Amino acid sequence: MDAAQLPPVAAAEELAREGEAAKGTPGTTAGIPGRERGERIRTAIAYVVMFSVAALFFIPFLWSVSTSFRTIADTVGGFSLLPKHWTTSGYHEALHTFNFGRFMLNSAIIATAITLSNLFLASLGGYAFARLKFPGREALFLLVLGTLMIPDQLRLVPIYLMLVNWIPGWVGHLGWHGATFVNRNGVILVQLVSAASLFLMRQYFLTIPRDLEEAAKLDAAGYFKTYRKVMLPLAGPALAAVGILTFQGAWNGLFWPAVLLQDSSQYTIPIGLAYFHTAYQTLWPPLMAASVLAILPILVIFIVFQRYFVAGVASSGVKG
């Protein structure tokens, strides 16, 4: 009799007897143990390889942290992962003697302003390229992507002339006389939005179903209201990815701050790190202490938003 036609208790006993019979049947499970053993071996090899690669990247960082707690004499005494004499003098010297806290504040101001402008402009432009239909949309988008192939060094002269001559003249006609952009304002203005951020946001908006926009149109929502009320709340992962990448790039950026920042009170972290190296010596403990302090904000931001960052980057490459 079929197990489905038996009472519940009898059916359970019948299924149990069939399971025991299957276990005792020769040859029915002969291939499973070998396959499981092979999977365990492959998993172990994969973990060994990943651990080795992680250690390869982590040891230099561990050496930097260790050096930040050494003395000058300890740094020239040979390579070792742990210092012989622990001290925090490197951090004290970096923060007080070299005023590294000011450099971190300047970098935070510039990186935050650039990140916020990229989040707004890139999301707005990405929505327009992904959803709005206008003449020359594809050609204009390819032109924007083409700017990724132009290095900053090639744009240096025209951008510098614009910041020194043209833009102050334009804003002067609007009533802002004596404006100068060879400072922090110029660094922010040059990086208001990047083509990479625009590309990521556009690709993510393409993955959002159009049914949501149609529902917003039925409620008499315009383009900007649809962007603000419907599309933007759904773009959290892409915004996190753009925010992390933009903040990291602006925080570690050296080229434009080195060109445009002429006042030492506005120097950023990459420029400030040069103070620890002179023609005759390198102050390794303060330099490593400053490097660790520079890494910590980026590390904290990535740990907090890691889940959204990975989801945003993965989703942005799904549809094009």
Protein backbone atom coordinates (compact mmCIF):
# COMPACT_ATOMS: atom_id res chain seq x y z
CA MET A 1 0.00 0.00 0.00
CA ASP A 2 1.19 3.53 -0.75
CA ALA A 3 2.41 5.54 2.28
CA ALA A 4 0.02 8.35 1.33
CA GLN A 5 -2.97 6.00 1.87
CA LEU A 6 -1.92 4.86 5.36
CA PRO A 7 -2.83 6.51 8.66
CA PRO A 8 -0.30 9.15 9.83
CA VAL A 9 1.44 6.89 12.38
CA ALA A 10 1.62 3.91 10.00
CA ALA A 11 2.83 6.15 7.19
CA ALA A 12 5.66 7.49 9.37
CA GLU A 13 6.71 3.92 10.29
CA GLU A 14 6.62 2.88 6.62
CA LEU A 15 8.83 5.84 5.61
CA ALA A 16 11.26 5.01 8.42
CA ARG A 17 11.54 1.38 7.23
CA GLU A 18 12.15 2.55 3.67
CA GLY A 19 14.93 4.87 4.88
CA GLU A 20 16.62 2.06 6.80
CA ALA A 21 16.37 -0.21 3.77
CA ALA A 22 17.92 2.47 1.56
CA LYS A 23 20.84 2.82 3.98
CA GLY A 24 21.52 -0.88 3.89
CA THR A 25 21.35 -1.18 0.10
CA PRO A 26 24.88 -1.67 -1.29
CA GLY A 27 26.13 0.90 -3.76
CA THR A 28 23.46 3.56 -3.19
CA THR A 29 25.75 5.96 -1.28
CA ALA A 30 29.11 4.82 -2.54
CA GLY A 31 29.94 8.12 -4.31
CA ILE A 32 28.88 10.57 -1.57
CA PRO A 33 31.75 10.17 0.96
CA GLY A 34 34.39 10.71 -1.72
CA ARG A 35 32.61 13.78 -3.03
CA GLU A 36 32.30 15.27 0.46
CA ARG A 37 35.98 14.58 1.12
CA GLY A 38 36.96 16.31 -2.13
CA GLU A 39 34.82 19.33 -1.27
CA ARG A 40 36.45 19.60 2.15
CA ILE A 41 39.91 19.48 0.58
CA ARG A 42 39.02 22.18 -1.96
CA THR A 43 37.52 24.33 0.78
CA ALA A 44 40.65 23.95 2.92
CA ILE A 45 42.89 24.89 -0.02
CA ALA A 46 40.73 27.92 -0.79
CA TYR A 47 40.93 29.12 2.82
CA VAL A 48 44.70 28.64 2.90
CA VAL A 49 45.10 30.69 -0.29
CA MET A 50 42.78 33.46 0.93
CA PHE A 51 44.50 33.57 4.32
CA SER A 52 47.90 33.82 2.62
CA VAL A 53 46.77 36.69 0.41
CA ALA A 54 45.17 38.47 3.37
CA ALA A 55 48.37 38.07 5.41
CA LEU A 56 50.40 39.41 2.47
CA PHE A 57 48.36 42.62 2.51
CA PHE A 58 47.96 42.84 6.29
CA ILE A 59 51.62 42.49 7.33
CA PRO A 60 52.68 45.91 5.91
CA PHE A 61 49.76 47.53 7.71
CA LEU A 62 50.68 45.70 10.93
CA TRP A 63 54.27 46.89 10.54
CA SER A 64 53.02 50.49 10.13
CA VAL A 65 50.94 50.26 13.30
CA SER A 66 53.86 48.69 15.15
CA THR A 67 56.29 51.37 13.96
CA SER A 68 53.95 54.11 15.19
CA PHE A 69 54.57 52.84 18.76
CA ARG A 70 58.37 52.65 18.45
CA THR A 71 61.17 55.03 19.24
CA ILE A 72 63.47 56.45 16.57
CA ALA A 73 66.31 54.18 17.71
CA ASP A 74 64.03 51.13 17.55
CA THR A 75 63.10 51.80 13.91
CA VAL A 76 66.71 51.41 12.72
CA GLY A 77 67.42 48.31 14.79
CA GLY A 78 66.22 45.79 12.19
CA PHE A 79 62.87 44.44 11.05
CA SER A 80 60.46 43.14 13.69
CA LEU A 81 56.69 43.13 13.88
CA LEU A 82 56.54 44.17 17.54
CA PRO A 83 58.43 47.12 19.05
CA LYS A 84 60.96 46.54 21.79
CA HIS A 85 59.97 49.69 23.69
CA TRP A 86 56.32 50.73 23.41
CA THR A 87 55.66 54.48 23.35
CA THR A 88 53.00 56.89 22.09
CA SER A 89 55.45 59.70 21.46
CA GLY A 90 54.94 59.31 17.71
CA TYR A 91 51.23 60.17 18.01
CA HIS A 92 51.96 63.05 20.37
CA GLU A 93 54.55 64.49 18.02
CA ALA A 94 52.30 64.11 14.97
CA LEU A 95 49.32 65.82 16.61
CA HIS A 96 51.11 68.56 18.49
CA THR A 97 54.49 69.27 16.91
CA PHE A 98 53.31 68.90 13.30
CA ASN A 99 49.69 69.94 13.94
CA PHE A 100 48.39 66.91 12.05
CA GLY A 101 44.93 67.36 13.53
CA ARG A 102 44.56 70.51 11.41
CA PHE A 103 45.45 68.58 8.28
CA MET A 104 42.82 65.96 9.13
CA LEU A 105 40.21 68.67 9.66
CA ASN A 106 41.01 70.24 6.29
CA SER A 107 40.76 66.86 4.57
CA ALA A 108 37.46 66.15 6.33
CA ILE A 109 35.98 69.48 5.17
CA ILE A 110 37.05 69.00 1.56
CA ALA A 111 36.14 65.29 1.40
CA THR A 112 32.71 65.85 2.98
CA ALA A 113 31.84 68.72 0.61
CA ILE A 114 32.96 66.73 -2.45
CA THR A 115 31.08 63.64 -1.30
CA LEU A 116 27.81 65.51 -0.72
CA SER A 117 28.01 67.27 -4.09
CA ASN A 118 28.75 63.97 -5.86
CA LEU A 119 25.84 62.22 -4.14
CA PHE A 120 23.39 64.90 -5.22
CA LEU A 121 24.66 65.70 -8.72
CA ALA A 122 25.56 62.11 -9.67
CA SER A 123 22.21 60.74 -8.49
CA LEU A 124 20.34 63.53 -10.31
CA GLY A 125 22.35 63.08 -13.50
CA GLY A 126 22.20 59.29 -13.27
CA TYR A 127 18.41 59.44 -12.99
CA ALA A 128 18.23 61.71 -16.03
CA PHE A 129 20.44 59.44 -18.15
CA ALA A 130 18.62 56.30 -17.02
CA ARG A 131 15.00 57.41 -17.20
CA LEU A 132 14.52 60.65 -19.16
CA LYS A 133 14.42 60.62 -22.94
CA PHE A 134 15.96 63.62 -24.69
CA PRO A 135 17.84 64.12 -27.96
CA GLY A 136 21.48 63.09 -27.84
CA ARG A 137 21.19 61.28 -24.51
CA GLU A 138 23.40 58.34 -25.46
CA ALA A 139 25.99 60.51 -27.19
CA LEU A 140 26.17 62.84 -24.21
CA PHE A 141 26.56 59.91 -21.82
CA LEU A 142 29.40 58.48 -23.91
CA LEU A 143 31.02 61.92 -23.91
CA VAL A 144 30.81 62.00 -20.11
CA LEU A 145 32.38 58.53 -19.89
CA GLY A 146 35.09 59.68 -22.29
CA THR A 147 36.32 62.15 -19.68
CA LEU A 148 37.51 59.16 -17.64
CA MET A 149 40.28 58.68 -20.18
CA ILE A 150 41.63 62.21 -19.69
CA PRO A 151 44.14 62.36 -16.80
CA ASP A 152 44.15 65.30 -14.40
CA GLN A 153 47.67 66.23 -15.47
CA LEU A 154 46.40 66.89 -18.99
CA ARG A 155 43.62 69.15 -17.71
CA LEU A 156 45.87 71.08 -15.33
CA VAL A 157 46.58 74.17 -17.44
CA PRO A 158 43.04 74.89 -18.74
CA ILE A 159 41.42 74.24 -15.35
CA TYR A 160 43.97 76.40 -13.55
CA LEU A 161 43.38 79.26 -16.01
CA MET A 162 39.62 78.92 -15.49
CA LEU A 163 39.99 79.05 -11.71
CA VAL A 164 42.34 82.04 -11.82
CA ASN A 165 40.80 84.17 -14.60
CA TRP A 166 37.46 83.08 -15.99
CA ILE A 167 35.42 81.94 -12.99
CA PRO A 168 36.35 84.93 -10.73
CA GLY A 169 35.30 87.20 -13.60
CA TRP A 170 31.98 85.41 -14.01
CA VAL A 171 31.10 85.49 -10.32
CA GLY A 172 32.25 89.11 -10.20
CA HIS A 173 29.40 90.01 -12.54
CA LEU A 174 27.05 88.36 -10.03
CA GLY A 175 28.28 90.56 -7.20
CA TRP A 176 31.00 88.34 -5.70
CA HIS A 177 33.98 90.62 -6.22
CA GLY A 178 37.52 89.58 -5.31
CA ALA A 179 36.67 85.88 -5.33
CA THR A 180 39.59 83.49 -5.50
CA PHE A 181 39.54 79.78 -6.21
CA VAL A 182 43.21 78.97 -5.77
CA ASN A 183 42.36 77.55 -2.36
CA ARG A 184 40.00 75.04 -0.77
CA ASN A 185 37.07 76.31 -2.86
CA GLY A 186 38.91 75.45 -6.07
CA VAL A 187 39.67 71.91 -4.90
CA ILE A 188 35.98 71.35 -4.19
CA LEU A 189 34.83 73.00 -7.41
CA VAL A 190 37.08 70.84 -9.60
CA GLN A 191 35.63 67.63 -8.08
CA LEU A 192 31.97 68.57 -7.72
CA VAL A 193 30.93 65.44 -9.64
CA SER A 194 32.84 62.65 -11.33
CA ALA A 195 31.99 60.56 -14.37
CA ALA A 196 32.53 57.37 -12.37
CA SER A 197 29.90 58.40 -9.80
CA LEU A 198 27.49 59.33 -12.58
CA PHE A 199 28.04 55.97 -14.26
CA LEU A 200 27.40 53.98 -11.05
CA MET A 201 24.18 55.85 -10.31
CA ARG A 202 22.91 55.54 -13.88
CA GLN A 203 23.56 51.78 -13.93
CA TYR A 204 21.77 51.30 -10.63
CA PHE A 205 18.71 53.30 -11.67
CA LEU A 206 18.40 51.07 -14.75
CA THR A 207 17.82 48.07 -12.45
CA ILE A 208 14.79 49.66 -10.73
CA PRO A 209 11.45 48.50 -12.25
CA ARG A 210 9.59 51.12 -14.25
CA ASP A 211 6.31 50.10 -12.61
CA LEU A 212 7.22 52.25 -9.62
CA GLU A 213 7.56 55.32 -11.84
CA GLU A 214 4.28 54.56 -13.55
CA ALA A 215 2.58 54.42 -10.15
CA ALA A 216 4.11 57.80 -9.27
CA LYS A 217 2.84 59.28 -12.55
CA LEU A 218 -0.68 58.11 -11.70
CA ASP A 219 -0.36 60.14 -8.51
CA ALA A 220 0.54 63.22 -10.61
CA ALA A 221 4.21 63.20 -9.56
CA GLY A 222 6.63 65.06 -11.80
CA TYR A 223 10.14 64.00 -12.71
CA PHE A 224 11.85 65.64 -9.76
CA LYS A 225 9.27 64.42 -7.25
CA THR A 226 9.57 60.89 -8.65
CA TYR A 227 13.34 61.15 -8.30
CA ARG A 228 13.13 62.45 -4.73
CA LYS A 229 10.26 60.33 -3.40
CA VAL A 230 10.59 57.06 -5.33
CA MET A 231 13.98 56.57 -6.97
CA LEU A 232 16.32 58.11 -4.41
CA PRO A 233 15.07 56.07 -1.41
CA LEU A 234 15.58 52.86 -3.43
CA ALA A 235 19.14 53.82 -4.41
CA GLY A 236 20.65 53.40 -0.94
CA PRO A 237 23.27 50.78 -1.92
CA ALA A 238 24.43 52.81 -4.93
CA LEU A 239 24.59 56.00 -2.85
CA ALA A 240 26.69 54.17 -0.25
CA ALA A 241 29.08 52.92 -2.94
CA VAL A 242 29.43 56.37 -4.48
CA GLY A 243 29.82 57.97 -1.06
CA ILE A 244 32.59 55.62 0.08
CA LEU A 245 34.53 55.78 -3.18
CA THR A 246 34.22 59.56 -3.43
CA PHE A 247 35.15 60.21 0.19
CA GLN A 248 38.14 57.89 -0.03
CA GLY A 249 39.34 59.52 -3.25
CA ALA A 250 38.98 63.04 -1.88
CA TRP A 251 40.50 62.09 1.49
CA ASN A 252 43.60 60.60 -0.16
CA GLY A 253 43.74 63.06 -3.07
CA LEU A 254 47.08 64.80 -3.57
CA PHE A 255 47.18 66.30 -7.06
CA TRP A 256 44.64 69.13 -6.89
CA PRO A 257 45.35 70.07 -3.24
CA ALA A 258 49.08 70.27 -4.06
CA VAL A 259 48.33 72.53 -7.04
CA LEU A 260 45.67 74.80 -5.58
CA LEU A 261 46.35 75.00 -1.83
CA GLN A 262 48.90 77.77 -1.25
CA ASP A 263 48.09 78.52 2.39
CA SER A 264 49.69 76.04 4.81
CA SER A 265 46.68 76.36 7.13
CA GLN A 266 44.56 74.63 4.44
CA TYR A 267 46.93 71.75 3.70
CA THR A 268 45.38 68.28 3.62
CA ILE A 269 46.67 64.94 4.90
CA PRO A 270 48.70 63.88 1.81
CA ILE A 271 50.53 67.21 1.80
CA GLY A 272 51.00 67.12 5.57
CA LEU A 273 52.66 63.71 5.41
CA ALA A 274 55.54 65.30 3.49
CA TYR A 275 56.53 67.25 6.62
CA PHE A 276 57.79 64.06 8.25
CA HIS A 277 60.38 63.51 5.52
CA THR A 278 63.32 65.87 5.09
CA ALA A 279 66.47 65.79 2.97
CA TYR A 280 68.47 64.30 5.83
CA GLN A 281 66.07 62.08 7.79
CA THR A 282 62.63 60.49 7.95
CA LEU A 283 60.75 60.56 11.24
CA TRP A 284 59.30 57.06 10.99
CA PRO A 285 57.27 56.82 14.23
CA PRO A 286 55.42 60.15 13.70
CA LEU A 287 55.00 59.37 10.01
CA MET A 288 53.47 55.95 10.71
CA ALA A 289 51.33 57.41 13.48
CA ALA A 290 50.00 60.04 11.07
CA SER A 291 49.36 57.34 8.46
CA VAL A 292 47.38 55.23 10.95
CA LEU A 293 45.31 58.28 11.93
CA ALA A 294 44.65 58.96 8.24
CA ILE A 295 43.50 55.39 7.62
CA LEU A 296 41.12 55.11 10.59
CA PRO A 297 38.23 57.28 9.23
CA ILE A 298 38.19 55.42 5.92
CA LEU A 299 38.31 52.08 7.74
CA VAL A 300 35.40 53.00 10.02
CA ILE A 301 33.26 54.25 7.12
CA PHE A 302 33.91 51.11 5.08
CA ILE A 303 33.10 48.80 8.00
CA VAL A 304 29.84 50.61 8.75
CA PHE A 305 28.63 50.77 5.13
CA GLN A 306 30.30 47.61 3.79
CA ARG A 307 27.04 45.76 3.16
CA TYR A 308 25.55 48.64 1.16
CA PHE A 309 28.83 49.23 -0.67
CA VAL A 310 29.06 45.66 -1.96
CA ALA A 311 25.37 45.58 -2.91
CA GLY A 312 25.64 48.90 -4.74
CA VAL A 313 28.69 47.95 -6.79
CA ALA A 314 27.21 44.54 -7.64
CA SER A 315 23.85 45.95 -8.68
CA SER A 316 25.37 48.74 -10.78
CA GLY A 317 26.90 46.22 -13.17
CA VAL A 318 23.76 44.16 -13.75
CA LYS A 319 22.17 46.15 -16.55
CA GLY A 320 23.60 48.56 -19.10
